[in-house]
C-alpha atoms as a PDB file:
ATOM      1  CA  MET A   1      92.613 102.891 170.564  1.00  0.00           C
ATOM      2  CA  SER A   2      91.155 101.613 167.350  1.00  0.00           C
ATOM      3  CA  GLY A   3      88.393 102.509 164.945  1.00  0.00           C
ATOM      4  CA  PRO A   4      88.129 105.113 162.210  1.00  0.00           C
ATOM      5  CA  ASP A   5      91.157 107.290 161.590  1.00  0.00           C
ATOM      6  CA  SER A   6      89.289 110.307 162.898  1.00  0.00           C
ATOM      7  CA  LEU A   7      89.010 108.620 166.297  1.00  0.00           C
ATOM      8  CA  ALA A   8      92.485 107.095 166.466  1.00  0.00           C
ATOM      9  CA  GLY A   9      94.436 110.073 167.806  1.00  0.00           C
ATOM     10  CA  ARG A  10      98.053 110.934 167.093  1.00  0.00           C
ATOM     11  CA  LEU A  11     101.144 112.239 168.845  1.00  0.00           C
ATOM     12  CA  ARG A  12     103.605 114.618 167.214  1.00  0.00           C
ATOM     13  CA  VAL A  13     106.813 115.732 168.943  1.00  0.00           C
ATOM     14  CA  GLU A  14     108.893 118.502 167.408  1.00  0.00           C
ATOM     15  CA  VAL A  15     112.364 119.349 168.725  1.00  0.00           C
ATOM     16  CA  ARG A  16     114.426 122.401 167.837  1.00  0.00           C
ATOM     17  CA  LEU A  17     118.144 121.630 167.937  1.00  0.00           C
ATOM     18  CA  GLN A  18     120.763 124.374 167.812  1.00  0.00           C
ATOM     19  CA  GLU A  19     124.515 123.787 168.030  1.00  0.00           C
ATOM     20  CA  GLY A  20     123.989 120.374 169.579  1.00  0.00           C
ATOM     21  CA  ILE A  21     121.622 121.611 172.287  1.00  0.00           C
ATOM     22  CA  ILE A  22     117.874 120.976 172.424  1.00  0.00           C
ATOM     23  CA  ARG A  23     116.337 124.444 172.650  1.00  0.00           C
ATOM     24  CA  SER A  24     112.636 123.517 172.644  1.00  0.00           C
ATOM     25  CA  VAL A  25     110.314 120.510 172.698  1.00  0.00           C
ATOM     26  CA  ASP A  26     106.804 120.841 171.298  1.00  0.00           C
ATOM     27  CA  THR A  27     104.561 117.908 172.279  1.00  0.00           C
ATOM     28  CA  ARG A  28     101.229 117.868 170.471  1.00  0.00           C
ATOM     29  CA  LEU A  29      98.814 115.126 171.413  1.00  0.00           C
ATOM     30  CA  GLN A  30      95.711 115.016 169.272  1.00  0.00           C
ATOM     31  CA  ARG A  31      93.039 112.990 171.048  1.00  0.00           C
ATOM     32  CA  PRO A  32      89.433 113.297 169.832  1.00  0.00           C
ATOM     33  CA  LEU A  33      88.030 113.159 173.353  1.00  0.00           C
ATOM     34  CA  ALA A  34      85.128 115.490 172.539  1.00  0.00           C
ATOM     35  CA  GLN A  35      84.135 113.325 169.564  1.00  0.00           C
ATOM     36  CA  LEU A  36      84.306 110.173 171.662  1.00  0.00           C
ATOM     37  CA  SER A  37      82.221 111.762 174.388  1.00  0.00           C
ATOM     38  CA  ARG A  38      79.517 112.791 171.913  1.00  0.00           C
ATOM     39  CA  LEU A  39      79.206 109.182 170.730  1.00  0.00           C
ATOM     40  CA  PHE A  40      77.889 108.209 174.151  1.00  0.00           C
ATOM     41  CA  VAL A  41      75.510 111.116 174.791  1.00  0.00           C
ATOM     42  CA  GLY A  42      71.859 110.064 174.644  1.00  0.00           C
ATOM     43  CA  GLN A  43      72.622 106.360 175.019  1.00  0.00           C
ATOM     44  CA  THR A  44      71.586 104.102 177.866  1.00  0.00           C
ATOM     45  CA  ALA A  45      74.283 102.694 180.107  1.00  0.00           C
ATOM     46  CA  GLU A  46      74.031  99.292 178.442  1.00  0.00           C
ATOM     47  CA  ALA A  47      74.239 100.744 174.926  1.00  0.00           C
ATOM     48  CA  ALA A  48      77.244 102.891 175.839  1.00  0.00           C
ATOM     49  CA  LEU A  49      79.055  99.907 177.318  1.00  0.00           C
ATOM     50  CA  ALA A  50      78.356  97.910 174.156  1.00  0.00           C
ATOM     51  CA  CYS A  51      80.110 100.647 172.120  1.00  0.00           C
ATOM     52  CA  LEU A  52      83.338 100.604 174.151  1.00  0.00           C
ATOM     53  CA  PRO A  53      84.917  97.485 172.597  1.00  0.00           C
ATOM     54  CA  LEU A  54      84.388  99.021 169.156  1.00  0.00           C
ATOM     55  CA  LEU A  55      86.378 102.125 170.145  1.00  0.00           C
ATOM     56  CA  PHE A  56      89.213 100.743 172.256  1.00  0.00           C
ATOM     57  CA  SER A  57      91.484  97.808 171.513  1.00  0.00           C
ATOM     58  CA  LEU A  58      94.288  98.758 173.897  1.00  0.00           C
ATOM     59  CA  CYS A  59      93.321  98.604 177.570  1.00  0.00           C
ATOM     60  CA  ALA A  60      89.839  97.424 176.585  1.00  0.00           C
ATOM     61  CA  ALA A  61      89.133  95.706 179.914  1.00  0.00           C
ATOM     62  CA  ALA A  62      90.333  98.703 181.931  1.00  0.00           C
ATOM     63  CA  GLN A  63      88.182 101.005 179.796  1.00  0.00           C
ATOM     64  CA  GLN A  64      85.215  98.738 180.489  1.00  0.00           C
ATOM     65  CA  MET A  65      85.879  98.672 184.244  1.00  0.00           C
ATOM     66  CA  ALA A  66      86.300 102.440 184.557  1.00  0.00           C
ATOM     67  CA  ALA A  67      83.165 103.049 182.477  1.00  0.00           C
ATOM     68  CA  LEU A  68      81.177 100.484 184.470  1.00  0.00           C
ATOM     69  CA  ARG A  69      82.151 102.058 187.768  1.00  0.00           C
ATOM     70  CA  ALA A  70      81.256 105.533 186.535  1.00  0.00           C
ATOM     71  CA  LEU A  71      77.903 104.454 185.099  1.00  0.00           C
ATOM     72  CA  GLU A  72      76.872 102.404 188.126  1.00  0.00           C
ATOM     73  CA  ARG A  73      77.779 105.208 190.504  1.00  0.00           C
ATOM     74  CA  ALA A  74      75.842 107.712 188.354  1.00  0.00           C
ATOM     75  CA  ALA A  75      72.852 105.352 188.452  1.00  0.00           C
ATOM     76  CA  GLY A  76      73.051 105.227 192.245  1.00  0.00           C
ATOM     77  CA  TRP A  77      74.089 101.567 192.316  1.00  0.00           C
ATOM     78  CA  THR A  78      77.112 100.269 194.215  1.00  0.00           C
ATOM     79  CA  ALA A  79      78.708  96.973 193.256  1.00  0.00           C
ATOM     80  CA  ILE A  80      79.453  94.703 196.195  1.00  0.00           C
ATOM     81  CA  PRO A  81      83.146  94.166 197.083  1.00  0.00           C
ATOM     82  CA  GLU A  82      83.295  90.694 195.513  1.00  0.00           C
ATOM     83  CA  VAL A  83      82.262  92.127 192.144  1.00  0.00           C
ATOM     84  CA  GLU A  84      84.740  95.005 192.346  1.00  0.00           C
ATOM     85  CA  GLU A  85      87.539  92.645 193.341  1.00  0.00           C
ATOM     86  CA  GLY A  86      86.803  90.440 190.337  1.00  0.00           C
ATOM     87  CA  ARG A  87      86.771  93.453 188.040  1.00  0.00           C
ATOM     88  CA  THR A  88      90.128  94.575 189.409  1.00  0.00           C
ATOM     89  CA  ARG A  89      91.510  91.111 188.673  1.00  0.00           C
ATOM     90  CA  LEU A  90      90.171  91.343 185.132  1.00  0.00           C
ATOM     91  CA  ALA A  91      91.957  94.659 184.574  1.00  0.00           C
ATOM     92  CA  GLU A  92      95.165  93.289 186.144  1.00  0.00           C
ATOM     93  CA  LEU A  93      95.114  90.290 183.801  1.00  0.00           C
ATOM     94  CA  GLU A  94      94.915  92.681 180.866  1.00  0.00           C
ATOM     95  CA  LEU A  95      97.748  94.743 182.350  1.00  0.00           C
ATOM     96  CA  ILE A  96      99.895  91.614 182.576  1.00  0.00           C
ATOM     97  CA  ARG A  97      99.138  90.591 179.000  1.00  0.00           C
ATOM     98  CA  GLU A  98      99.739  94.015 177.458  1.00  0.00           C
ATOM     99  CA  SER A  99     102.886  94.623 179.529  1.00  0.00           C
ATOM    100  CA  LEU A 100     104.406  91.290 178.536  1.00  0.00           C
ATOM    101  CA  LEU A 101     103.753  91.981 174.875  1.00  0.00           C
ATOM    102  CA  ARG A 102     105.269  95.449 175.185  1.00  0.00           C
ATOM    103  CA  LEU A 103     108.353  94.148 176.993  1.00  0.00           C
ATOM    104  CA  VAL A 104     108.952  91.466 174.371  1.00  0.00           C
ATOM    105  CA  GLN A 105     107.998  93.330 171.192  1.00  0.00           C
ATOM    106  CA  VAL A 106     109.467  96.762 171.952  1.00  0.00           C
ATOM    107  CA  TRP A 107     112.201  96.094 174.514  1.00  0.00           C
ATOM    108  CA  ALA A 108     113.294  92.575 173.454  1.00  0.00           C
ATOM    109  CA  LEU A 109     112.749  90.967 176.866  1.00  0.00           C
ATOM    110  CA  PRO A 110     114.544  87.581 176.561  1.00  0.00           C
ATOM    111  CA  LEU A 111     111.439  85.519 177.228  1.00  0.00           C
ATOM    112  CA  PRO A 112     111.196  82.326 175.111  1.00  0.00           C
ATOM    113  CA  LEU A 113     108.271  82.432 172.719  1.00  0.00           C
ATOM    114  CA  GLU A 114     106.673  79.250 174.066  1.00  0.00           C
ATOM    115  CA  ARG A 115     106.743  80.616 177.608  1.00  0.00           C
ATOM    116  CA  LEU A 116     105.265  83.911 176.465  1.00  0.00           C
ATOM    117  CA  LYS A 117     102.454  82.063 174.664  1.00  0.00           C
ATOM    118  CA  ALA A 118     101.759  79.994 177.776  1.00  0.00           C
ATOM    119  CA  LEU A 119     101.546  83.098 179.992  1.00  0.00           C
ATOM    120  CA  LEU A 120      99.254  84.887 177.551  1.00  0.00           C
ATOM    121  CA  ALA A 121      97.016  81.817 177.231  1.00  0.00           C
ATOM    122  CA  LEU A 122      96.624  81.623 181.012  1.00  0.00           C
ATOM    123  CA  CYS A 123      95.741  85.333 181.104  1.00  0.00           C
ATOM    124  CA  ARG A 124      93.053  84.778 178.474  1.00  0.00           C
ATOM    125  CA  GLN A 125      91.651  81.722 180.247  1.00  0.00           C
ATOM    126  CA  ALA A 126      91.404  83.506 183.592  1.00  0.00           C
ATOM    127  CA  ALA A 127      89.882  86.618 182.010  1.00  0.00           C
ATOM    128  CA  SER A 128      87.203  84.525 180.305  1.00  0.00           C
ATOM    129  CA  ARG A 129      86.108  83.210 183.701  1.00  0.00           C
ATOM    130  CA  LEU A 130      85.713  86.765 185.000  1.00  0.00           C
ATOM    131  CA  GLN A 131      84.030  88.200 181.905  1.00  0.00           C
ATOM    132  CA  PRO A 132      80.465  88.106 183.357  1.00  0.00           C
ATOM    133  CA  LEU A 133      81.535  90.779 185.849  1.00  0.00           C
ATOM    134  CA  SER A 134      81.914  93.281 182.989  1.00  0.00           C
ATOM    135  CA  ALA A 135      78.122  93.540 182.724  1.00  0.00           C
ATOM    136  CA  PHE A 136      76.224  96.554 184.047  1.00  0.00           C
ATOM    137  CA  ARG A 137      75.060  95.865 187.623  1.00  0.00           C
ATOM    138  CA  ALA A 138      76.746  92.462 187.604  1.00  0.00           C
ATOM    139  CA  GLU A 139      75.986  89.985 190.338  1.00  0.00           C
ATOM    140  CA  PRO A 140      78.778  88.148 192.192  1.00  0.00           C
ATOM    141  CA  GLN A 141      79.987  84.858 190.758  1.00  0.00           C
ATOM    142  CA  PRO A 142      79.896  81.555 192.651  1.00  0.00           C
ATOM    143  CA  ALA A 143      83.184  80.034 193.788  1.00  0.00           C
ATOM    144  CA  ASP A 144      85.177  79.068 190.707  1.00  0.00           C
ATOM    145  CA  PRO A 145      87.861  76.403 191.301  1.00  0.00           C
ATOM    146  CA  GLN A 146      88.866  76.505 187.630  1.00  0.00           C
ATOM    147  CA  LEU A 147      89.608  80.221 187.892  1.00  0.00           C
ATOM    148  CA  GLU A 148      91.718  79.707 191.003  1.00  0.00           C
ATOM    149  CA  GLU A 149      93.618  76.863 189.329  1.00  0.00           C
ATOM    150  CA  THR A 150      94.325  79.020 186.297  1.00  0.00           C
ATOM    151  CA  LEU A 151      95.544  81.928 188.427  1.00  0.00           C
ATOM    152  CA  ALA A 152      97.766  79.574 190.415  1.00  0.00           C
ATOM    153  CA  ALA A 153      99.203  78.185 187.173  1.00  0.00           C
ATOM    154  CA  LEU A 154      99.920  81.712 185.929  1.00  0.00           C
ATOM    155  CA  VAL A 155     101.717  82.634 189.154  1.00  0.00           C
ATOM    156  CA  ALA A 156     103.708  79.388 189.051  1.00  0.00           C
ATOM    157  CA  ALA A 157     104.697  79.879 185.395  1.00  0.00           C
ATOM    158  CA  TRP A 158     105.924  83.390 186.149  1.00  0.00           C
ATOM    159  CA  THR A 159     107.783  82.324 189.290  1.00  0.00           C
ATOM    160  CA  ALA A 160     109.620  79.636 187.321  1.00  0.00           C
ATOM    161  CA  LEU A 161     111.132  82.252 184.996  1.00  0.00           C
ATOM    162  CA  GLN A 162     114.620  83.553 185.649  1.00  0.00           C
ATOM    163  CA  LEU A 163     114.621  86.888 183.879  1.00  0.00           C
ATOM    164  CA  PRO A 164     117.706  89.109 183.912  1.00  0.00           C
ATOM    165  CA  ALA A 165     117.662  92.720 185.077  1.00  0.00           C
ATOM    166  CA  PRO A 166     116.835  95.227 182.293  1.00  0.00           C
ATOM    167  CA  VAL A 167     120.372  96.627 182.262  1.00  0.00           C
ATOM    168  CA  ASP A 168     121.664  93.159 181.325  1.00  0.00           C
ATOM    169  CA  TRP A 169     119.569  92.703 178.196  1.00  0.00           C
ATOM    170  CA  LEU A 170     119.282  96.379 177.240  1.00  0.00           C
ATOM    171  CA  GLY A 171     122.989  97.136 177.544  1.00  0.00           C
ATOM    172  CA  ALA A 172     123.753  97.658 173.842  1.00  0.00           C
ATOM    173  CA  ARG A 173     120.576  99.675 173.329  1.00  0.00           C
ATOM    174  CA  LEU A 174     121.333 101.933 176.290  1.00  0.00           C
ATOM    175  CA  LYS A 175     125.017 102.480 175.530  1.00  0.00           C
ATOM    176  CA  PRO A 176     124.572 105.475 173.160  1.00  0.00           C
ATOM    177  CA  TRP A 177     122.689 107.378 175.870  1.00  0.00           C
ATOM    178  CA  GLN A 178     124.960 106.811 178.855  1.00  0.00           C
ATOM    179  CA  ALA A 179     126.629 110.201 178.444  1.00  0.00           C
ATOM    180  CA  VAL A 180     123.422 112.128 177.651  1.00  0.00           C
ATOM    181  CA  ALA A 181     122.597 114.049 180.826  1.00  0.00           C
ATOM    182  CA  LEU A 182     118.929 114.941 181.209  1.00  0.00           C
ATOM    183  CA  GLY A 183     117.720 118.110 182.879  1.00  0.00           C
ATOM    184  CA  GLY A 184     114.615 119.510 184.516  1.00  0.00           C
ATOM    185  CA  ALA A 185     112.268 118.056 187.108  1.00  0.00           C
ATOM    186  CA  LEU A 186     109.440 115.632 186.468  1.00  0.00           C
ATOM    187  CA  PRO A 187     105.831 116.618 187.152  1.00  0.00           C
ATOM    188  CA  GLU A 188     104.258 115.148 190.270  1.00  0.00           C
ATOM    189  CA  SER A 189     102.360 111.877 190.090  1.00  0.00           C
ATOM    190  CA  VAL A 190      98.597 111.583 189.709  1.00  0.00           C
ATOM    191  CA  ASP A 191      97.282 111.115 193.248  1.00  0.00           C
ATOM    192  CA  PRO A 192      93.756 110.007 194.241  1.00  0.00           C
ATOM    193  CA  ALA A 193      93.908 112.747 196.875  1.00  0.00           C
ATOM    194  CA  ASN A 194      93.762 115.266 194.017  1.00  0.00           C
ATOM    195  CA  LEU A 195      90.489 113.896 192.643  1.00  0.00           C
ATOM    196  CA  PRO A 196      88.264 116.617 194.188  1.00  0.00           C
ATOM    197  CA  ALA A 197      90.254 119.344 192.403  1.00  0.00           C
ATOM    198  CA  LEU A 198      90.205 117.385 189.147  1.00  0.00           C
ATOM    199  CA  LEU A 199      86.474 116.810 189.499  1.00  0.00           C
ATOM    200  CA  THR A 200      85.863 120.536 189.863  1.00  0.00           C
ATOM    201  CA  GLN A 201      87.604 121.324 186.588  1.00  0.00           C
ATOM    202  CA  LEU A 202      85.896 118.458 184.744  1.00  0.00           C
ATOM    203  CA  ARG A 203      82.500 119.801 185.827  1.00  0.00           C
ATOM    204  CA  ALA A 204      83.515 123.130 184.319  1.00  0.00           C
ATOM    205  CA  GLY A 205      84.201 121.393 180.993  1.00  0.00           C
ATOM    206  CA  ASP A 206      87.991 121.523 181.376  1.00  0.00           C
ATOM    207  CA  VAL A 207      89.308 118.114 180.273  1.00  0.00           C
ATOM    208  CA  ARG A 208      92.998 119.019 180.202  1.00  0.00           C
ATOM    209  CA  ALA A 209      95.275 116.489 181.877  1.00  0.00           C
ATOM    210  CA  GLU A 210      96.202 118.914 184.628  1.00  0.00           C
ATOM    211  CA  ILE A 211      95.395 119.450 188.290  1.00  0.00           C
ATOM    212  CA  ALA A 212      95.310 123.028 189.530  1.00  0.00           C
ATOM    213  CA  GLY A 213      97.006 124.069 186.289  1.00  0.00           C
ATOM    214  CA  ALA A 214      99.954 121.679 186.721  1.00  0.00           C
ATOM    215  CA  PRO A 215     100.730 118.567 184.642  1.00  0.00           C
ATOM    216  CA  ARG A 216     100.991 115.141 186.254  1.00  0.00           C
ATOM    217  CA  ILE A 217     102.456 111.740 185.318  1.00  0.00           C
ATOM    218  CA  THR A 218     101.225 108.220 185.937  1.00  0.00           C
ATOM    219  CA  GLY A 219     102.147 104.558 185.585  1.00  0.00           C
ATOM    220  CA  PRO A 220     105.726 103.385 184.934  1.00  0.00           C
ATOM    221  CA  ALA A 221     106.624 107.004 184.127  1.00  0.00           C
ATOM    222  CA  ALA A 222     105.908 107.886 187.755  1.00  0.00           C
ATOM    223  CA  ILE A 223     107.433 104.703 189.209  1.00  0.00           C
ATOM    224  CA  ALA A 224     110.699 105.209 187.309  1.00  0.00           C
ATOM    225  CA  GLY A 225     111.331 108.578 188.926  1.00  0.00           C
ATOM    226  CA  MET A 226     113.940 111.069 187.730  1.00  0.00           C
ATOM    227  CA  GLN A 227     117.262 109.645 186.530  1.00  0.00           C
ATOM    228  CA  ALA A 228     120.431 111.554 185.663  1.00  0.00           C
ATOM    229  CA  THR A 229     121.089 110.162 182.186  1.00  0.00           C
ATOM    230  CA  ALA A 230     118.909 109.137 179.276  1.00  0.00           C
ATOM    231  CA  ALA A 231     120.241 105.566 179.531  1.00  0.00           C
ATOM    232  CA  ALA A 232     119.292 105.324 183.205  1.00  0.00           C
ATOM    233  CA  GLN A 233     115.897 106.890 182.533  1.00  0.00           C
ATOM    234  CA  ILE A 234     115.028 104.393 179.801  1.00  0.00           C
ATOM    235  CA  GLU A 235     116.323 101.489 181.892  1.00  0.00           C
ATOM    236  CA  GLN A 236     114.198 102.561 184.854  1.00  0.00           C
ATOM    237  CA  HIS A 237     111.094 102.943 182.686  1.00  0.00           C
ATOM    238  CA  VAL A 238     111.491  99.402 181.365  1.00  0.00           C
ATOM    239  CA  GLY A 239     112.312  98.145 184.843  1.00  0.00           C
ATOM    240  CA  ALA A 240     109.219  99.836 186.247  1.00  0.00           C
ATOM    241  CA  LEU A 241     107.042  98.143 183.613  1.00  0.00           C
ATOM    242  CA  LEU A 242     108.597  94.774 184.462  1.00  0.00           C
ATOM    243  CA  ARG A 243     108.176  95.306 188.225  1.00  0.00           C
ATOM    244  CA  ARG A 244     104.565  96.406 187.798  1.00  0.00           C
ATOM    245  CA  THR A 245     103.912  93.240 185.769  1.00  0.00           C
ATOM    246  CA  ALA A 246     105.445  91.080 188.503  1.00  0.00           C
ATOM    247  CA  GLN A 247     103.406  92.904 191.141  1.00  0.00           C
ATOM    248  CA  ALA A 248     100.195  92.305 189.192  1.00  0.00           C
ATOM    249  CA  ILE A 249     100.951  88.596 188.837  1.00  0.00           C
ATOM    250  CA  ASP A 250     101.836  88.237 192.518  1.00  0.00           C
ATOM    251  CA  SER A 251      98.558  89.924 193.484  1.00  0.00           C
ATOM    252  CA  LEU A 252      96.347  87.485 191.574  1.00  0.00           C
ATOM    253  CA  GLN A 253      96.085  85.046 194.481  1.00  0.00           C
ATOM    254  CA  GLN A 254      95.558  87.798 197.038  1.00  0.00           C
ATOM    255  CA  GLN A 255      92.483  89.876 197.785  1.00  0.00           C
ATOM    256  CA  PRO A 256      92.492  92.737 195.249  1.00  0.00           C
ATOM    257  CA  PRO A 257      92.142  96.285 196.602  1.00  0.00           C
ATOM    258  CA  LEU A 258      88.865  98.097 196.072  1.00  0.00           C
ATOM    259  CA  PRO A 259      88.962 101.137 193.765  1.00  0.00           C
ATOM    260  CA  PRO A 260      89.451 104.468 195.580  1.00  0.00           C
ATOM    261  CA  ALA A 261      86.222 106.065 196.772  1.00  0.00           C
ATOM    262  CA  VAL A 262      85.379 109.388 195.121  1.00  0.00           C
ATOM    263  CA  ALA A 263      83.717 111.758 197.555  1.00  0.00           C
ATOM    264  CA  GLY A 264      81.441 114.695 196.798  1.00  0.00           C
ATOM    265  CA  LEU A 265      79.716 113.333 193.708  1.00  0.00           C
ATOM    266  CA  GLN A 266      76.450 114.953 192.691  1.00  0.00           C
ATOM    267  CA  ALA A 267      73.188 113.176 191.898  1.00  0.00           C
ATOM    268  CA  GLY A 268      73.461 111.447 188.526  1.00  0.00           C
ATOM    269  CA  GLU A 269      77.250 111.846 188.451  1.00  0.00           C
ATOM    270  CA  GLY A 270      79.741 108.983 188.532  1.00  0.00           C
ATOM    271  CA  VAL A 271      83.506 108.624 188.366  1.00  0.00           C
ATOM    272  CA  GLY A 272      85.237 105.331 187.569  1.00  0.00           C
ATOM    273  CA  LEU A 273      88.922 104.541 187.967  1.00  0.00           C
ATOM    274  CA  ALA A 274      91.039 101.662 186.663  1.00  0.00           C
ATOM    275  CA  GLN A 275      94.718 100.862 186.316  1.00  0.00           C
ATOM    276  CA  THR A 276      96.233 100.073 182.913  1.00  0.00           C
ATOM    277  CA  ALA A 277      99.725  99.049 181.826  1.00  0.00           C
ATOM    278  CA  ARG A 278     100.395 102.742 181.160  1.00  0.00           C
ATOM    279  CA  GLY A 279      98.877 104.134 184.360  1.00  0.00           C
ATOM    280  CA  ALA A 280      95.668 105.596 185.734  1.00  0.00           C
ATOM    281  CA  LEU A 281      92.480 105.768 183.656  1.00  0.00           C
ATOM    282  CA  LEU A 282      89.449 107.857 184.612  1.00  0.00           C
ATOM    283  CA  HIS A 283      85.906 108.103 183.240  1.00  0.00           C
ATOM    284  CA  ARG A 284      83.353 110.653 184.414  1.00  0.00           C
ATOM    285  CA  VAL A 285      79.703 110.195 183.439  1.00  0.00           C
ATOM    286  CA  CYS A 286      76.504 112.124 184.066  1.00  0.00           C
ATOM    287  CA  LEU A 287      73.158 110.379 183.590  1.00  0.00           C
ATOM    288  CA  ASP A 288      69.980 112.281 182.815  1.00  0.00           C
ATOM    289  CA  GLU A 289      66.798 110.216 183.206  1.00  0.00           C
ATOM    290  CA  GLY A 290      68.651 107.009 182.433  1.00  0.00           C
ATOM    291  CA  THR A 291      70.663 108.171 179.434  1.00  0.00           C
ATOM    292  CA  VAL A 292      74.128 109.671 179.148  1.00  0.00           C
ATOM    293  CA  GLY A 293      74.147 113.454 179.364  1.00  0.00           C
ATOM    294  CA  ALA A 294      77.933 113.885 179.520  1.00  0.00           C
ATOM    295  CA  TRP A 295      80.971 111.647 179.311  1.00  0.00           C
ATOM    296  CA  GLN A 296      84.612 112.580 179.920  1.00  0.00           C
ATOM    297  CA  LEU A 297      87.740 110.472 180.091  1.00  0.00           C
ATOM    298  CA  LEU A 298      91.422 110.936 180.841  1.00  0.00           C
ATOM    299  CA  ALA A 299      93.893 108.209 179.891  1.00  0.00           C
ATOM    300  CA  PRO A 300      97.574 107.766 180.827  1.00  0.00           C
ATOM    301  CA  THR A 301      98.721 109.089 177.454  1.00  0.00           C
ATOM    302  CA  ASP A 302      96.879 112.353 178.148  1.00  0.00           C
ATOM    303  CA  TRP A 303      98.853 112.775 181.385  1.00  0.00           C
ATOM    304  CA  ASN A 304     102.280 111.565 180.274  1.00  0.00           C
ATOM    305  CA  PHE A 305     102.342 113.504 176.993  1.00  0.00           C
ATOM    306  CA  HIS A 306     101.199 116.868 178.304  1.00  0.00           C
ATOM    307  CA  ALA A 307     102.807 119.800 176.477  1.00  0.00           C
ATOM    308  CA  ASP A 308     104.727 120.619 179.681  1.00  0.00           C
ATOM    309  CA  GLY A 309     105.262 116.983 180.586  1.00  0.00           C
ATOM    310  CA  PRO A 310     108.333 114.750 180.898  1.00  0.00           C
ATOM    311  CA  LEU A 311     109.615 115.223 177.339  1.00  0.00           C
ATOM    312  CA  ARG A 312     109.766 119.009 177.502  1.00  0.00           C
ATOM    313  CA  ARG A 313     110.982 119.203 181.075  1.00  0.00           C
ATOM    314  CA  ARG A 314     113.718 116.620 180.758  1.00  0.00           C
ATOM    315  CA  LEU A 315     114.984 117.415 177.244  1.00  0.00           C
ATOM    316  CA  CYS A 316     115.133 121.215 177.070  1.00  0.00           C
ATOM    317  CA  GLY A 317     118.764 122.298 177.362  1.00  0.00           C
ATOM    318  CA  VAL A 318     120.116 118.778 176.829  1.00  0.00           C
ATOM    319  CA  ARG A 319     123.246 118.388 174.727  1.00  0.00           C
ATOM    320  CA  VAL A 320     123.090 115.626 172.118  1.00  0.00           C
ATOM    321  CA  ALA A 321     124.859 114.925 168.830  1.00  0.00           C
ATOM    322  CA  GLU A 322     122.779 116.065 165.869  1.00  0.00           C
ATOM    323  CA  GLY A 323     122.821 112.612 164.315  1.00  0.00           C
ATOM    324  CA  ASP A 324     121.540 111.030 167.538  1.00  0.00           C
ATOM    325  CA  CYS A 325     118.730 113.419 168.431  1.00  0.00           C
ATOM    326  CA  GLU A 326     115.902 111.660 166.601  1.00  0.00           C
ATOM    327  CA  ALA A 327     116.899 108.214 167.886  1.00  0.00           C
ATOM    328  CA  LEU A 328     117.073 109.519 171.458  1.00  0.00           C
ATOM    329  CA  LEU A 329     113.681 111.170 171.159  1.00  0.00           C
ATOM    330  CA  ARG A 330     112.106 107.982 169.817  1.00  0.00           C
ATOM    331  CA  GLU A 331     113.542 105.884 172.640  1.00  0.00           C
ATOM    332  CA  LEU A 332     112.226 108.261 175.305  1.00  0.00           C
ATOM    333  CA  ILE A 333     108.782 108.334 173.689  1.00  0.00           C
ATOM    334  CA  LEU A 334     108.723 104.528 173.564  1.00  0.00           C
ATOM    335  CA  ALA A 335     109.686 104.465 177.236  1.00  0.00           C
ATOM    336  CA  LEU A 336     106.710 106.706 178.065  1.00  0.00           C
ATOM    337  CA  ASP A 337     104.598 104.375 175.913  1.00  0.00           C
ATOM    338  CA  PRO A 338     101.852 106.344 174.132  1.00  0.00           C
ATOM    339  CA  CYS A 339      98.663 104.489 173.217  1.00  0.00           C
ATOM    340  CA  VAL A 340      98.558 106.253 169.831  1.00  0.00           C
ATOM    341  CA  ALA A 341     100.853 106.377 166.824  1.00  0.00           C
ATOM    342  CA  PHE A 342     103.579 109.013 166.979  1.00  0.00           C
ATOM    343  CA  GLU A 343     105.896 110.937 164.723  1.00  0.00           C
ATOM    344  CA  VAL A 344     108.934 113.077 165.477  1.00  0.00           C
ATOM    345  CA  LYS A 345     110.501 116.034 163.732  1.00  0.00           C
ATOM    346  CA  ILE A 346     113.904 117.570 164.356  1.00  0.00           C
ATOM    347  CA  ILE A 347     114.347 121.207 163.337  1.00  0.00           C
ATOM    348  CA  HIS A 348     118.001 122.220 162.948  1.00  0.00           C
ATOM    349  CA  ALA A 349     118.108 125.902 163.852  1.00  0.00           C
END
């Protein structure tokens, strides 16, 4: 997310360490969701959509798709399948681009720079062909041979790569954490089947990233599952991000799935869903005589950095050398991949 500092958000994680054992983990995610929501109230659908690129730099296409779907549904308009399929492709292209950058910049994926540039350029070219579908009530596009050629080139460029498994290139980085045994159980994954319960709490003004009072996880955090050691957990997170990227690329020449249907919506109410590199994104909008009356959103960072989320559950009770605690915490946060800046604090009790 970008924009003024007051709208940027921040993550702070505080750990209390006593005699080499993590006694508590305090995860505080400050996200100005109420402020963001108020920016949209009173605006038309078109005006609200025009504001989105000014507020979000990360996952901008996914934000646009989720907002579009929510606004169109609230307006009583349903995009035809061809439009929704194109929008899903647009979000997947962004997912590929952002995941590749994350894998290279944060996790040192051994991908030659020229090949990375070529992949990113193909993503941009394909996305530019699909950009008209990001308009409110967009009409389907005519057949586009140039788009299909670009997608085929992207798939071919990816297929030609021979990337090693994460454990092979992350070995030295994982080594300090091979003996650090993690504890606790992960929260369940965000499931579209839980949308009715989530919708009920959102209508009541409860925008916590919970369902029926319980935290959830999404994206690579959910795909990675629960691993015994910190090294294995980090490796699986990176591997999940790489596999999700490969899946997105492979899907580009197939028919994209339609977004899940949301049942039980009220008149003037819309919910839009989209997938990002970090996981599931949701927007809920209410329109009142053509202008926004309410706007709510939940992003992957809200789910994965819940106060009772993966960090607290997996780290409480863990034994770690005092000099290694901060480095371990930073690596696990990077693996969960927040979309905001973060800071850590270790309290030696």
